[in-house]
């Protein structure tokens, strides 16, 4: 329909001249019937359910005999000419999508290589207690040789030397709240590991296994302990500096005056004995003050290329002057091909002298000491730290003495901790400080009645800095 209520004439649509409401065309009176047909079709079109307007061309509007039928309902078209939206199939679930993606993107070999090359240890156990996954890092941290035959065997048998690890994995099947970022010290190697436990469930949510992810934190633990030691040394240094003059000078005066009296009272045997004891005790007290001052003083290394074989031989000779050797046998095994290391020969000589002296005192004249030196490959980088750039040298000092009590092990390198009646507790603290100054590490393992082993690991060439 045109504006102002005019009916568009099918013969004169460009210039409507038909009178409204009369149904006749002024230019062609014979078109009246055709106009009626057009109006009929348009009215029927407007009545369609879709409210669509069907425009008929002039050649479609003739007579009532060939009147076109009522237009059928057409499919609605989205705005902008888009195709009508069809019914969509159900969306796939995340599990089905990931399963199809995994089937097409990666093979089983890829996942095997992925787990095997992770920098963290991975140990997975099935519901029936058999090992399903154990990568190379897990073997190395747990001190196991990689063997394919371990897969499918009971984990309690493979890990029988680490009962704490067995207990943790077994608890993963029962616990509702699993440990996350927990720490554990391994029994056999003394390494500190950080671990996270996770349950493995199938598509139906049933528990099918337990996975343990862990990393060697020994180096990180050592760095943390080094910072603690530095803090303690700073406080101890202030105290030592304050008492140095207040204690050292009076001790020197006591020793001098006792010596004068001893020379004057030569006729009295009892006086000579008492004065000798006074002089001895004054010298011992003075030596303790000097050791404290040396301990809190920063180590300034005089680094040079040295042979560990020569250092160890000198250390054994010096130890015999500090403690009676008795019938103790000493075995030294140093390969001729062992690399020369960069270090301070005086400091390293003191380090091994203290260790051998402790072994002599623990054995009380009977037993044996074995010193073994080996060269190691480059270390794996620790979590949150950097690896040494190059090989390492490891020296084990092992005795078959009575061992160290468990309550002392955690504090064995702390200053003033000793189990000897005449000890001052600074020997192993100085050892730890020298090792730290050489950017190395020291570990100790012992069991009552089974002897003690000190393991010193030093870089062949490292970044030696002033230890403050």
Protein backbone atom coordinates (compact mmCIF):
# COMPACT_ATOMS: atom_id res chain seq x y z
CA UNK A 1 0.00 0.00 0.00
CA UNK A 2 1.18 3.54 -0.79
CA UNK A 3 1.18 6.55 1.46
CA UNK A 4 -2.01 8.54 2.19
CA UNK A 5 -4.17 5.41 1.91
CA UNK A 6 -3.75 4.98 -1.90
CA UNK A 7 -3.81 1.54 -3.41
CA UNK A 8 -0.86 0.87 -5.67
CA UNK A 9 -2.07 0.08 -9.13
CA UNK A 10 -0.35 -3.01 -10.55
CA UNK A 11 -0.19 -1.27 -13.96
CA UNK A 12 0.88 2.19 -12.75
CA UNK A 13 2.98 1.49 -9.65
CA UNK A 14 5.35 4.37 -10.51
CA UNK A 15 2.62 7.00 -10.38
CA UNK A 16 -0.46 5.94 -8.44
CA UNK A 17 -3.56 7.62 -9.80
CA UNK A 18 -6.27 5.32 -8.58
CA UNK A 19 -8.91 6.90 -6.46
CA UNK A 20 -8.91 5.57 -2.92
CA UNK A 21 -11.78 3.34 -1.99
CA UNK A 22 -13.25 3.14 -5.54
CA UNK A 23 -11.31 0.12 -6.78
CA UNK A 24 -11.05 1.48 -10.37
CA UNK A 25 -8.18 2.83 -12.41
CA UNK A 26 -8.71 6.05 -14.36
CA UNK A 27 -6.19 5.11 -17.05
CA UNK A 28 -7.35 1.53 -17.60
CA UNK A 29 -10.92 0.71 -16.54
CA UNK A 30 -10.40 -2.91 -17.61
CA UNK A 31 -7.92 -3.41 -14.79
CA UNK A 32 -10.58 -3.29 -12.08
CA UNK A 33 -10.76 -7.06 -11.70
CA UNK A 34 -7.02 -7.33 -11.54
CA UNK A 35 -6.91 -4.69 -8.83
CA UNK A 36 -9.42 -6.67 -6.77
CA UNK A 37 -7.29 -9.77 -7.07
CA UNK A 38 -4.20 -7.89 -5.94
CA UNK A 39 -6.02 -6.53 -2.90
CA UNK A 40 -7.24 -10.00 -2.01
CA UNK A 41 -3.79 -11.49 -2.18
CA UNK A 42 -2.29 -8.68 -0.15
CA UNK A 43 -4.88 -9.03 2.58
CA UNK A 44 -4.26 -12.75 2.81
CA UNK A 45 -0.54 -12.14 2.97
CA UNK A 46 -0.92 -9.68 5.80
CA UNK A 47 -2.89 -12.30 7.71
CA UNK A 48 -0.02 -14.76 7.58
CA UNK A 49 1.33 -15.85 10.97
CA UNK A 50 4.77 -14.43 10.23
CA UNK A 51 3.13 -11.04 9.37
CA UNK A 52 5.15 -11.07 6.13
CA UNK A 53 4.02 -8.78 3.25
CA UNK A 54 4.03 -10.52 -0.10
CA UNK A 55 4.42 -8.10 -3.02
CA UNK A 56 2.92 -9.41 -6.22
CA UNK A 57 4.22 -8.21 -9.54
CA UNK A 58 1.78 -7.10 -12.21
CA UNK A 59 2.17 -10.21 -14.34
CA UNK A 60 1.10 -12.32 -11.35
CA UNK A 61 -2.24 -10.55 -10.88
CA UNK A 62 -4.59 -11.48 -13.72
CA UNK A 63 -8.02 -12.95 -13.09
CA UNK A 64 -9.72 -14.88 -10.36
CA UNK A 65 -9.31 -18.14 -12.28
CA UNK A 66 -5.54 -18.21 -11.97
CA UNK A 67 -5.49 -16.44 -8.61
CA UNK A 68 -2.32 -17.41 -6.76
CA UNK A 69 -2.70 -19.42 -3.67
CA UNK A 70 -2.09 -18.05 -0.21
CA UNK A 71 1.65 -17.82 0.39
CA UNK A 72 2.98 -20.43 2.71
CA UNK A 73 4.95 -19.59 5.82
CA UNK A 74 8.57 -18.87 5.06
CA UNK A 75 11.54 -19.67 7.28
CA UNK A 76 12.52 -16.61 9.25
CA UNK A 77 15.81 -14.99 8.45
CA UNK A 78 18.09 -13.63 11.13
CA UNK A 79 18.99 -9.95 11.09
CA UNK A 80 21.76 -9.10 8.68
CA UNK A 81 20.93 -11.92 6.31
CA UNK A 82 22.44 -14.67 8.44
CA UNK A 83 21.32 -18.22 8.03
CA UNK A 84 18.72 -19.51 10.45
CA UNK A 85 20.12 -21.12 13.57
CA UNK A 86 19.89 -24.87 13.55
CA UNK A 87 19.59 -27.13 16.52
CA UNK A 88 23.10 -27.79 17.84
CA UNK A 89 24.41 -31.16 18.89
CA UNK A 90 25.23 -31.67 22.59
CA UNK A 91 28.55 -30.13 23.54
CA UNK A 92 31.32 -32.60 24.31
CA UNK A 93 32.54 -32.78 27.89
CA UNK A 94 36.00 -31.72 28.98
CA UNK A 95 37.00 -35.34 29.50
CA UNK A 96 35.91 -36.38 25.99
CA UNK A 97 37.62 -33.34 24.43
CA UNK A 98 40.87 -33.96 26.28
CA UNK A 99 40.72 -37.66 25.43
CA UNK A 100 40.27 -36.98 21.71
CA UNK A 101 42.96 -34.29 21.80
CA UNK A 102 45.36 -36.62 23.57
CA UNK A 103 44.71 -39.36 21.02
CA UNK A 104 45.56 -37.07 18.14
CA UNK A 105 48.30 -34.80 19.54
CA UNK A 106 50.59 -37.09 21.58
CA UNK A 107 51.51 -40.73 21.79
CA UNK A 108 52.30 -42.89 24.79
CA UNK A 109 55.99 -42.42 24.04
CA UNK A 110 55.64 -38.68 24.45
CA UNK A 111 54.07 -39.01 27.88
CA UNK A 112 56.74 -41.52 28.91
CA UNK A 113 59.49 -39.13 27.84
CA UNK A 114 57.72 -36.23 29.56
CA UNK A 115 57.64 -37.96 32.95
CA UNK A 116 61.14 -39.41 32.58
CA UNK A 117 62.70 -36.00 31.85
CA UNK A 118 60.99 -34.02 34.61
CA UNK A 119 63.38 -32.27 36.98
CA UNK A 120 61.33 -33.49 39.95
CA UNK A 121 61.09 -37.05 41.16
CA UNK A 122 57.86 -38.84 40.24
CA UNK A 123 56.79 -42.04 41.97
CA UNK A 124 53.33 -43.50 41.28
CA UNK A 125 51.90 -46.60 42.96
CA UNK A 126 48.75 -48.47 41.93
CA UNK A 127 45.91 -49.46 44.25
CA UNK A 128 47.37 -52.92 44.76
CA UNK A 129 50.70 -51.45 45.89
CA UNK A 130 52.79 -51.89 42.75
CA UNK A 131 55.07 -49.27 41.20
CA UNK A 132 53.57 -47.82 38.00
CA UNK A 133 55.89 -44.84 37.36
CA UNK A 134 59.37 -44.02 38.64
CA UNK A 135 61.48 -41.56 36.67
CA UNK A 136 65.24 -41.01 36.60
CA UNK A 137 65.29 -38.17 39.16
CA UNK A 138 63.37 -40.33 41.63
CA UNK A 139 65.97 -43.08 41.25
CA UNK A 140 68.82 -40.65 41.82
CA UNK A 141 67.32 -38.97 44.90
CA UNK A 142 66.40 -42.31 46.47
CA UNK A 143 69.87 -43.73 45.65
CA UNK A 144 68.49 -46.42 43.35
CA UNK A 145 69.81 -47.62 40.00
CA UNK A 146 67.26 -47.19 37.18
CA UNK A 147 65.91 -50.62 36.27
CA UNK A 148 62.87 -51.41 34.15
CA UNK A 149 62.14 -54.50 36.22
CA UNK A 150 61.12 -52.30 39.15
CA UNK A 151 57.90 -51.35 37.35
CA UNK A 152 55.12 -53.64 38.53
CA UNK A 153 56.89 -54.76 41.69
CA UNK A 154 55.64 -53.95 45.22
CA UNK A 155 56.84 -50.54 46.34
CA UNK A 156 57.39 -51.80 49.90
CA UNK A 157 60.11 -54.10 48.60
CA UNK A 158 61.80 -51.57 46.32
CA UNK A 159 61.77 -48.83 49.00
CA UNK A 160 62.45 -50.99 52.02
CA UNK A 161 65.56 -48.92 52.81
CA UNK A 162 63.37 -45.79 53.16
CA UNK A 163 60.60 -46.70 55.61
CA UNK A 164 59.41 -43.10 55.92
CA UNK A 165 58.71 -42.91 52.18
CA UNK A 166 56.83 -46.22 52.35
CA UNK A 167 54.74 -44.91 55.23
CA UNK A 168 53.89 -41.66 53.40
CA UNK A 169 52.81 -43.43 50.19
CA UNK A 170 50.75 -45.99 52.10
CA UNK A 171 49.00 -43.18 53.96
CA UNK A 172 48.02 -41.55 50.67
CA UNK A 173 45.37 -44.23 50.13
CA UNK A 174 43.71 -43.47 53.46
CA UNK A 175 44.17 -39.76 54.15
CA UNK A 176 41.55 -37.21 53.13
CA UNK A 177 43.93 -34.25 53.43
CA UNK A 178 47.17 -35.04 51.64
CA UNK A 179 50.47 -33.32 52.52
CA UNK A 180 51.53 -30.48 50.25
CA UNK A 181 55.06 -29.04 50.23
CA UNK A 182 56.12 -31.13 53.20
CA UNK A 183 59.75 -31.97 53.97
CA UNK A 184 61.47 -35.21 54.88
CA UNK A 185 65.06 -36.26 55.59
CA UNK A 186 65.95 -39.57 53.97
CA UNK A 187 67.48 -42.18 56.25
CA UNK A 188 70.08 -43.63 53.90
CA UNK A 189 71.51 -40.54 52.21
CA UNK A 190 70.62 -37.80 54.68
CA UNK A 191 69.13 -35.72 51.86
CA UNK A 192 66.25 -33.37 52.57
CA UNK A 193 63.38 -33.65 50.10
CA UNK A 194 60.27 -31.57 49.64
CA UNK A 195 57.30 -33.61 48.49
CA UNK A 196 53.64 -33.39 47.50
CA UNK A 197 51.23 -36.31 47.55
CA UNK A 198 48.34 -36.70 45.11
CA UNK A 199 45.64 -39.33 44.61
CA UNK A 200 45.02 -40.79 41.15
CA UNK A 201 41.36 -41.40 40.25
CA UNK A 202 39.72 -42.95 37.18
CA UNK A 203 36.85 -41.58 35.05
CA UNK A 204 34.29 -42.70 37.65
CA UNK A 205 36.16 -41.03 40.50
CA UNK A 206 37.42 -44.26 42.03
CA UNK A 207 40.82 -44.25 43.70
CA UNK A 208 43.28 -46.13 41.50
CA UNK A 209 46.66 -45.05 42.85
CA UNK A 210 48.85 -42.51 44.63
CA UNK A 211 51.54 -40.29 43.10
CA UNK A 212 54.40 -38.65 45.00
CA UNK A 213 56.24 -35.66 43.52
CA UNK A 214 59.44 -34.66 45.27
CA UNK A 215 62.62 -32.62 44.85
CA UNK A 216 66.03 -32.61 46.49
CA UNK A 217 66.19 -29.62 48.86
CA UNK A 218 69.53 -30.48 50.45
CA UNK A 219 71.30 -27.57 48.81
CA UNK A 220 68.48 -25.18 49.68
CA UNK A 221 68.49 -26.41 53.27
CA UNK A 222 72.21 -25.80 53.43
CA UNK A 223 71.83 -22.26 52.14
CA UNK A 224 69.15 -21.56 54.73
CA UNK A 225 71.33 -22.98 57.49
CA UNK A 226 74.23 -20.89 56.22
CA UNK A 227 72.16 -17.73 56.62
CA UNK A 228 71.19 -18.79 60.13
CA UNK A 229 74.83 -19.43 60.95
CA UNK A 230 75.78 -16.00 59.67
CA UNK A 231 73.17 -14.43 61.93
CA UNK A 232 74.47 -16.37 64.92
CA UNK A 233 78.04 -15.45 64.07
CA UNK A 234 77.16 -11.78 63.87
CA UNK A 235 75.66 -11.84 67.36
CA UNK A 236 78.50 -13.99 68.68
CA UNK A 237 81.07 -11.67 67.12
CA UNK A 238 79.71 -8.68 69.00
CA UNK A 239 79.83 -10.63 72.24
CA UNK A 240 83.34 -11.95 71.55
CA UNK A 241 84.67 -8.50 70.75
CA UNK A 242 83.24 -7.21 74.03
CA UNK A 243 84.74 -9.95 76.19
CA UNK A 244 88.06 -10.17 74.36
CA UNK A 245 89.70 -7.40 76.38
CA UNK A 246 87.71 -8.07 79.55
CA UNK A 247 88.72 -11.75 79.72
CA UNK A 248 91.86 -12.18 77.68
CA UNK A 249 93.94 -9.55 79.49
CA UNK A 250 93.16 -10.79 83.04
CA UNK A 251 93.93 -14.34 81.95
CA UNK A 252 97.31 -13.24 80.67
CA UNK A 253 97.98 -11.48 84.00
CA UNK A 254 97.04 -14.60 85.98
CA UNK A 255 99.38 -16.72 83.89
CA UNK A 256 102.30 -14.30 84.34
CA UNK A 257 101.87 -13.93 88.12
CA UNK A 258 101.52 -17.68 88.58
CA UNK A 259 104.76 -18.14 86.69
CA UNK A 260 106.55 -15.66 88.95
CA UNK A 261 105.31 -17.40 92.10
CA UNK A 262 106.34 -20.74 90.70
CA UNK A 263 109.90 -19.54 90.29
CA UNK A 264 109.97 -18.08 93.83
CA UNK A 265 108.46 -21.07 95.61
CA UNK A 266 110.78 -23.72 94.28
CA UNK A 267 111.20 -25.35 97.72
CA UNK A 268 107.44 -26.13 98.09
CA UNK A 269 106.27 -29.12 96.08
CA UNK A 270 102.59 -28.49 96.82
CA UNK A 271 102.87 -24.86 95.71
CA UNK A 272 104.57 -25.93 92.49
CA UNK A 273 101.73 -28.35 91.72
CA UNK A 274 99.00 -25.78 92.40
CA UNK A 275 100.70 -23.05 90.40
CA UNK A 276 101.24 -25.43 87.47
CA UNK A 277 97.51 -26.18 87.43
CA UNK A 278 96.72 -22.46 87.54
CA UNK A 279 98.97 -21.79 84.57
CA UNK A 280 97.50 -24.73 82.64
CA UNK A 281 93.91 -23.62 83.21
CA UNK A 282 94.71 -20.02 82.33
CA UNK A 283 96.27 -21.12 79.06
CA UNK A 284 93.22 -23.28 78.29
CA UNK A 285 90.84 -20.39 78.98
CA UNK A 286 92.95 -18.11 76.84
CA UNK A 287 92.90 -20.67 74.00
CA UNK A 288 89.10 -20.83 74.15
CA UNK A 289 88.91 -17.03 73.86
CA UNK A 290 91.23 -17.14 70.86
CA UNK A 291 89.16 -19.89 69.20
CA UNK A 292 86.00 -17.88 69.68
CA UNK A 293 87.65 -14.85 68.11
CA UNK A 294 88.89 -16.97 65.21
CA UNK A 295 85.46 -18.53 64.78
CA UNK A 296 83.57 -15.26 64.50
CA UNK A 297 86.22 -13.63 62.32
CA UNK A 298 85.43 -13.74 58.56
CA UNK A 299 87.45 -16.26 56.57
CA UNK A 300 89.59 -14.73 53.86
CA UNK A 301 90.56 -17.53 51.54
CA UNK A 302 93.97 -17.67 49.88
CA UNK A 303 92.84 -19.72 46.89
CA UNK A 304 95.22 -21.83 44.84
CA UNK A 305 95.22 -25.16 42.98
CA UNK A 306 95.93 -27.86 45.55
CA UNK A 307 96.14 -31.63 45.75
CA UNK A 308 93.68 -33.20 48.19
CA UNK A 309 96.00 -36.16 48.70
CA UNK A 310 98.67 -33.88 50.20
CA UNK A 311 96.10 -32.02 52.33
CA UNK A 312 94.76 -35.29 53.76
CA UNK A 313 98.20 -36.62 54.63
CA UNK A 314 99.06 -33.39 56.45
CA UNK A 315 95.74 -33.48 58.28
CA UNK A 316 96.37 -37.01 59.58
CA UNK A 317 99.80 -36.01 60.87
CA UNK A 318 98.39 -32.93 62.63
CA UNK A 319 95.55 -34.93 64.16
CA UNK A 320 97.98 -37.23 65.92
CA UNK A 321 99.32 -34.20 67.81
CA UNK A 322 95.82 -33.21 68.94
CA UNK A 323 94.52 -36.62 70.06
CA UNK A 324 96.20 -39.95 70.80
CA UNK A 325 95.93 -42.31 67.83
CA UNK A 326 96.60 -45.50 69.74
CA UNK A 327 95.94 -48.62 67.65
CA UNK A 328 93.56 -46.89 65.23
CA UNK A 329 94.18 -47.84 61.61
CA UNK A 330 93.81 -45.14 58.97
CA UNK A 331 93.15 -46.00 55.32
CA UNK A 332 93.36 -43.30 52.67
CA UNK A 333 92.02 -43.95 49.15
CA UNK A 334 92.60 -41.07 46.75
CA UNK A 335 92.72 -41.79 43.00
CA UNK A 336 95.79 -40.56 41.20
CA UNK A 337 93.55 -39.03 38.55
CA UNK A 338 91.60 -36.96 41.09
CA UNK A 339 91.34 -33.37 39.89
CA UNK A 340 93.18 -30.63 41.75
CA UNK A 341 90.74 -28.22 43.35
CA UNK A 342 90.75 -24.50 43.98
CA UNK A 343 90.86 -23.80 47.69
CA UNK A 344 92.77 -22.49 50.66
CA UNK A 345 95.24 -25.22 51.70
CA UNK A 346 95.50 -23.97 55.31
CA UNK A 347 91.74 -23.87 55.80
CA UNK A 348 91.16 -27.26 54.17
CA UNK A 349 93.95 -28.75 56.26
CA UNK A 350 92.22 -27.49 59.40
CA UNK A 351 88.90 -28.86 58.14
CA UNK A 352 90.13 -32.44 57.76
CA UNK A 353 92.33 -32.20 60.86
CA UNK A 354 89.24 -31.49 62.95
CA UNK A 355 87.33 -34.39 61.38
CA UNK A 356 90.15 -36.91 61.89
CA UNK A 357 90.78 -35.64 65.44
CA UNK A 358 87.11 -36.20 66.28
CA UNK A 359 87.38 -39.74 64.93
CA UNK A 360 90.49 -40.46 67.04
CA UNK A 361 88.71 -39.20 70.15
CA UNK A 362 85.58 -41.23 69.41
CA UNK A 363 87.52 -44.46 68.85
CA UNK A 364 89.58 -44.15 72.08
CA UNK A 365 92.61 -45.88 70.57
CA UNK A 366 90.79 -48.82 68.93
CA UNK A 367 89.08 -49.12 65.56
CA UNK A 368 89.64 -47.88 62.05
CA UNK A 369 89.17 -44.75 59.93
CA UNK A 370 88.65 -44.78 56.17
CA UNK A 371 89.12 -41.68 54.03
CA UNK A 372 87.79 -42.02 50.48
CA UNK A 373 87.95 -39.31 47.79
CA UNK A 374 85.98 -39.50 44.53
CA UNK A 375 85.16 -37.14 41.68
CA UNK A 376 81.53 -36.45 40.82
CA UNK A 377 79.88 -35.13 37.71
CA UNK A 378 78.10 -31.78 37.61
CA UNK A 379 75.31 -31.50 40.15
CA UNK A 380 71.65 -31.14 39.32
CA UNK A 381 70.46 -27.58 40.02
CA UNK A 382 68.55 -27.40 43.30
CA UNK A 383 65.09 -25.94 43.64
CA UNK A 384 65.34 -22.21 43.81
CA UNK A 385 69.13 -22.27 43.35
CA UNK A 386 71.91 -22.75 40.86
CA UNK A 387 74.16 -25.71 40.26
CA UNK A 388 77.93 -25.60 40.40
CA UNK A 389 79.47 -25.07 36.99
CA UNK A 390 81.70 -28.10 36.82
CA UNK A 391 82.56 -31.34 38.59
CA UNK A 392 82.71 -31.85 42.33
CA UNK A 393 85.09 -33.72 44.63
CA UNK A 394 83.62 -35.77 47.46
CA UNK A 395 85.60 -36.85 50.53
CA UNK A 396 84.17 -39.34 53.03
CA UNK A 397 85.68 -39.65 56.51
CA UNK A 398 84.21 -42.78 58.10
CA UNK A 399 84.94 -44.43 61.44
CA UNK A 400 83.55 -47.53 63.13
CA UNK A 401 83.14 -45.91 66.53
CA UNK A 402 80.08 -45.69 68.80
CA UNK A 403 78.26 -43.21 66.55
CA UNK A 404 76.34 -40.05 67.37
CA UNK A 405 73.08 -39.92 69.31
CA UNK A 406 69.99 -38.91 67.35
CA UNK A 407 69.26 -35.92 69.59
CA UNK A 408 72.70 -34.47 68.80
CA UNK A 409 72.60 -34.94 65.02
CA UNK A 410 70.45 -31.89 64.29
CA UNK A 411 72.75 -29.60 66.31
CA UNK A 412 76.09 -31.20 65.59
CA UNK A 413 77.43 -28.24 63.58
CA UNK A 414 76.17 -25.59 65.98
CA UNK A 415 78.80 -23.75 68.05
CA UNK A 416 79.37 -24.84 71.66
CA UNK A 417 77.63 -28.19 71.13
CA UNK A 418 79.84 -31.03 72.38
CA UNK A 419 79.61 -34.42 74.08
CA UNK A 420 83.26 -34.39 75.29
CA UNK A 421 84.13 -33.48 78.88
CA UNK A 422 87.00 -31.23 77.75
CA UNK A 423 85.52 -30.05 74.44
CA UNK A 424 84.52 -26.49 73.60
CA UNK A 425 82.05 -27.33 70.82
CA UNK A 426 83.76 -25.29 68.11
CA UNK A 427 85.54 -28.00 66.11
CA UNK A 428 82.66 -29.03 63.82
CA UNK A 429 81.28 -25.49 63.74
CA UNK A 430 84.60 -24.36 62.25
CA UNK A 431 84.45 -27.28 59.80
CA UNK A 432 81.04 -26.16 58.63
CA UNK A 433 82.21 -22.58 58.24
CA UNK A 434 85.23 -23.59 56.13
CA UNK A 435 83.06 -25.76 53.89
CA UNK A 436 80.60 -22.92 53.37
CA UNK A 437 83.43 -20.53 52.56
CA UNK A 438 84.51 -22.92 49.76
CA UNK A 439 80.93 -23.03 48.44
CA UNK A 440 80.66 -26.72 49.34
CA UNK A 441 78.50 -28.76 51.64
CA UNK A 442 78.94 -31.26 54.45
CA UNK A 443 76.61 -34.09 55.46
CA UNK A 444 76.78 -36.45 58.41
CA UNK A 445 75.19 -39.85 58.89
CA UNK A 446 75.47 -42.03 61.97
CA UNK A 447 73.72 -44.68 63.95
CA UNK A 448 74.47 -45.80 67.50
CA UNK A 449 77.05 -48.56 67.43
CA UNK A 450 77.46 -48.30 63.65
CA UNK A 451 80.04 -45.56 63.30
CA UNK A 452 79.87 -42.07 61.81
CA UNK A 453 80.48 -40.75 58.32
CA UNK A 454 81.21 -37.13 57.40
CA UNK A 455 80.84 -36.40 53.67
CA UNK A 456 82.49 -33.21 52.39
CA UNK A 457 81.59 -32.12 48.85
CA UNK A 458 83.68 -29.34 47.29
CA UNK A 459 83.61 -27.81 43.81
CA UNK A 460 86.72 -28.31 41.70
CA UNK A 461 86.48 -24.65 40.75
CA UNK A 462 83.93 -22.42 42.43
CA UNK A 463 83.09 -18.81 43.18
CA UNK A 464 84.87 -18.37 46.52
CA UNK A 465 83.63 -15.32 48.32
CA UNK A 466 84.33 -13.75 51.66
CA UNK A 467 82.19 -15.56 54.22
CA UNK A 468 80.57 -12.95 56.42
